[in-house]
Amino acid sequence: MSAASLEIRNLSSGYGPTRVIEDVSFKAEPGSRLAILGRNGVGKTSLFATIAGQWPAPTG
């Protein structure tokens, strides 16, 4: 059985009409590490909430 990778393509999300994440793309291979860096309020938690399916993703 092979390990799964995580690939995100052109992901956008936000609050109603306001987009806080726009056109995010990356691929994380099994065993790799990925760091998401940014100052407060730039959308890091929103990104993970969208990936986890807690928030809708209008694109991506």
N, C-alpha and C. Protein backbone atom coordinates (compact mmCIF):
# COMPACT_ATOMS: atom_id res chain seq x y z
N MET A 1 0.85 -1.18 0.00
CA MET A 1 0.00 0.00 0.00
C MET A 1 0.89 1.24 0.00
N SER A 2 0.63 2.16 -0.90
CA SER A 2 1.43 3.38 -0.95
C SER A 2 0.77 4.47 -0.12
N ALA A 3 1.60 5.35 0.41
CA ALA A 3 1.10 6.47 1.21
C ALA A 3 0.50 7.52 0.29
N ALA A 4 -0.49 8.21 0.79
CA ALA A 4 -1.17 9.24 0.01
C ALA A 4 -0.44 10.57 0.15
N SER A 5 -0.49 11.38 -0.90
CA SER A 5 0.06 12.73 -0.83
C SER A 5 -1.11 13.71 -0.78
N LEU A 6 -0.82 14.94 -0.43
CA LEU A 6 -1.83 15.99 -0.39
C LEU A 6 -1.50 16.99 -1.49
N GLU A 7 -2.44 17.18 -2.41
CA GLU A 7 -2.22 18.15 -3.48
C GLU A 7 -3.39 19.12 -3.51
N ILE A 8 -3.08 20.39 -3.45
CA ILE A 8 -4.07 21.47 -3.49
C ILE A 8 -3.81 22.27 -4.76
N ARG A 9 -4.86 22.51 -5.54
CA ARG A 9 -4.71 23.27 -6.78
C ARG A 9 -5.72 24.41 -6.84
N ASN A 10 -5.23 25.61 -7.00
CA ASN A 10 -6.05 26.80 -7.23
C ASN A 10 -7.16 26.96 -6.19
N LEU A 11 -6.85 26.74 -4.93
CA LEU A 11 -7.84 26.82 -3.86
C LEU A 11 -8.11 28.27 -3.50
N SER A 12 -9.38 28.62 -3.39
CA SER A 12 -9.81 29.94 -2.92
C SER A 12 -10.90 29.73 -1.89
N SER A 13 -10.96 30.61 -0.91
CA SER A 13 -11.99 30.53 0.12
C SER A 13 -12.08 31.86 0.83
N GLY A 14 -13.11 32.03 1.64
CA GLY A 14 -13.25 33.27 2.38
C GLY A 14 -14.55 33.32 3.14
N TYR A 15 -14.93 34.52 3.51
CA TYR A 15 -16.12 34.76 4.30
C TYR A 15 -17.12 35.47 3.40
N GLY A 16 -18.15 34.78 2.99
CA GLY A 16 -19.13 35.39 2.09
C GLY A 16 -18.45 35.88 0.81
N PRO A 17 -18.65 37.15 0.46
CA PRO A 17 -18.04 37.66 -0.78
C PRO A 17 -16.56 38.01 -0.64
N THR A 18 -16.03 38.03 0.59
CA THR A 18 -14.64 38.42 0.82
C THR A 18 -13.72 37.21 0.74
N ARG A 19 -12.79 37.22 -0.18
CA ARG A 19 -11.83 36.13 -0.33
C ARG A 19 -10.60 36.42 0.53
N VAL A 20 -10.25 35.49 1.41
CA VAL A 20 -9.03 35.63 2.21
C VAL A 20 -7.94 34.69 1.72
N ILE A 21 -8.33 33.71 0.93
CA ILE A 21 -7.38 32.78 0.30
C ILE A 21 -7.71 32.79 -1.18
N GLU A 22 -6.70 33.01 -2.00
CA GLU A 22 -6.96 33.03 -3.43
C GLU A 22 -5.83 32.36 -4.20
N ASP A 23 -6.20 31.38 -5.00
CA ASP A 23 -5.29 30.69 -5.92
C ASP A 23 -4.09 30.05 -5.22
N VAL A 24 -4.34 29.29 -4.15
CA VAL A 24 -3.28 28.59 -3.42
C VAL A 24 -3.09 27.20 -4.04
N SER A 25 -1.83 26.85 -4.32
CA SER A 25 -1.50 25.53 -4.87
C SER A 25 -0.23 25.01 -4.20
N PHE A 26 -0.23 23.74 -3.83
CA PHE A 26 0.97 23.08 -3.32
C PHE A 26 0.76 21.58 -3.32
N LYS A 27 1.85 20.84 -3.19
CA LYS A 27 1.78 19.39 -3.08
C LYS A 27 2.71 18.96 -1.96
N ALA A 28 2.20 18.15 -1.04
CA ALA A 28 2.99 17.61 0.07
C ALA A 28 3.11 16.11 -0.13
N GLU A 29 4.32 15.64 -0.33
CA GLU A 29 4.59 14.22 -0.53
C GLU A 29 4.66 13.50 0.82
N PRO A 30 4.39 12.21 0.86
CA PRO A 30 4.49 11.44 2.10
C PRO A 30 5.89 11.59 2.72
N GLY A 31 5.94 11.85 4.01
CA GLY A 31 7.20 12.00 4.72
C GLY A 31 7.79 13.40 4.64
N SER A 32 7.20 14.27 3.83
CA SER A 32 7.73 15.64 3.72
C SER A 32 7.10 16.52 4.79
N ARG A 33 7.68 17.68 4.97
CA ARG A 33 7.15 18.67 5.91
C ARG A 33 6.84 19.94 5.15
N LEU A 34 5.78 20.59 5.56
CA LEU A 34 5.34 21.81 4.90
C LEU A 34 5.08 22.85 5.98
N ALA A 35 5.60 24.04 5.81
CA ALA A 35 5.38 25.13 6.77
C ALA A 35 4.52 26.20 6.10
N ILE A 36 3.50 26.64 6.81
CA ILE A 36 2.67 27.74 6.35
C ILE A 36 2.96 28.91 7.29
N LEU A 37 3.59 29.93 6.77
CA LEU A 37 4.00 31.08 7.58
C LEU A 37 3.25 32.32 7.15
N GLY A 38 3.02 33.21 8.11
CA GLY A 38 2.39 34.49 7.80
C GLY A 38 2.02 35.22 9.08
N ARG A 39 1.86 36.51 8.97
CA ARG A 39 1.49 37.29 10.15
C ARG A 39 0.03 37.02 10.52
N ASN A 40 -0.39 37.54 11.64
CA ASN A 40 -1.76 37.34 12.12
C ASN A 40 -2.76 37.89 11.11
N GLY A 41 -3.82 37.11 10.90
CA GLY A 41 -4.92 37.58 10.07
C GLY A 41 -4.76 37.44 8.57
N VAL A 42 -3.79 36.64 8.11
CA VAL A 42 -3.59 36.52 6.66
C VAL A 42 -4.22 35.27 6.07
N GLY A 43 -4.83 34.39 6.88
CA GLY A 43 -5.58 33.26 6.34
C GLY A 43 -5.02 31.88 6.58
N LYS A 44 -4.05 31.73 7.47
CA LYS A 44 -3.49 30.40 7.73
C LYS A 44 -4.54 29.43 8.27
N THR A 45 -5.28 29.84 9.27
CA THR A 45 -6.33 28.98 9.84
C THR A 45 -7.45 28.77 8.82
N SER A 46 -7.78 29.78 8.07
CA SER A 46 -8.80 29.65 7.02
C SER A 46 -8.38 28.62 5.98
N LEU A 47 -7.10 28.59 5.64
CA LEU A 47 -6.58 27.61 4.70
C LEU A 47 -6.80 26.20 5.21
N PHE A 48 -6.42 25.94 6.46
CA PHE A 48 -6.58 24.60 7.01
C PHE A 48 -8.04 24.23 7.22
N ALA A 49 -8.88 25.19 7.60
CA ALA A 49 -10.31 24.91 7.75
C ALA A 49 -10.93 24.54 6.41
N THR A 50 -10.49 25.17 5.34
CA THR A 50 -11.00 24.85 4.01
C THR A 50 -10.52 23.48 3.56
N ILE A 51 -9.24 23.17 3.78
CA ILE A 51 -8.71 21.86 3.41
C ILE A 51 -9.44 20.76 4.18
N ALA A 52 -9.75 21.00 5.45
CA ALA A 52 -10.43 20.01 6.29
C ALA A 52 -11.91 19.88 5.96
N GLY A 53 -12.44 20.76 5.11
CA GLY A 53 -13.85 20.68 4.73
C GLY A 53 -14.78 21.41 5.67
N GLN A 54 -14.24 22.18 6.61
CA GLN A 54 -15.08 22.93 7.54
C GLN A 54 -15.66 24.19 6.89
N TRP A 55 -14.99 24.70 5.89
CA TRP A 55 -15.46 25.86 5.14
C TRP A 55 -15.59 25.47 3.68
N PRO A 56 -16.55 26.04 2.97
CA PRO A 56 -16.69 25.72 1.54
C PRO A 56 -15.55 26.32 0.73
N ALA A 57 -15.22 25.67 -0.35
CA ALA A 57 -14.20 26.16 -1.28
C ALA A 57 -14.86 26.44 -2.62
N PRO A 58 -15.13 27.71 -2.92
CA PRO A 58 -15.78 28.01 -4.20
C PRO A 58 -14.94 27.61 -5.41
N THR A 59 -13.62 27.57 -5.26
CA THR A 59 -12.74 27.09 -6.34
C THR A 59 -11.66 26.22 -5.75
N GLY A 60 -11.13 25.33 -6.55
CA GLY A 60 -10.01 24.49 -6.13
C GLY A 60 -10.42 23.08 -5.80
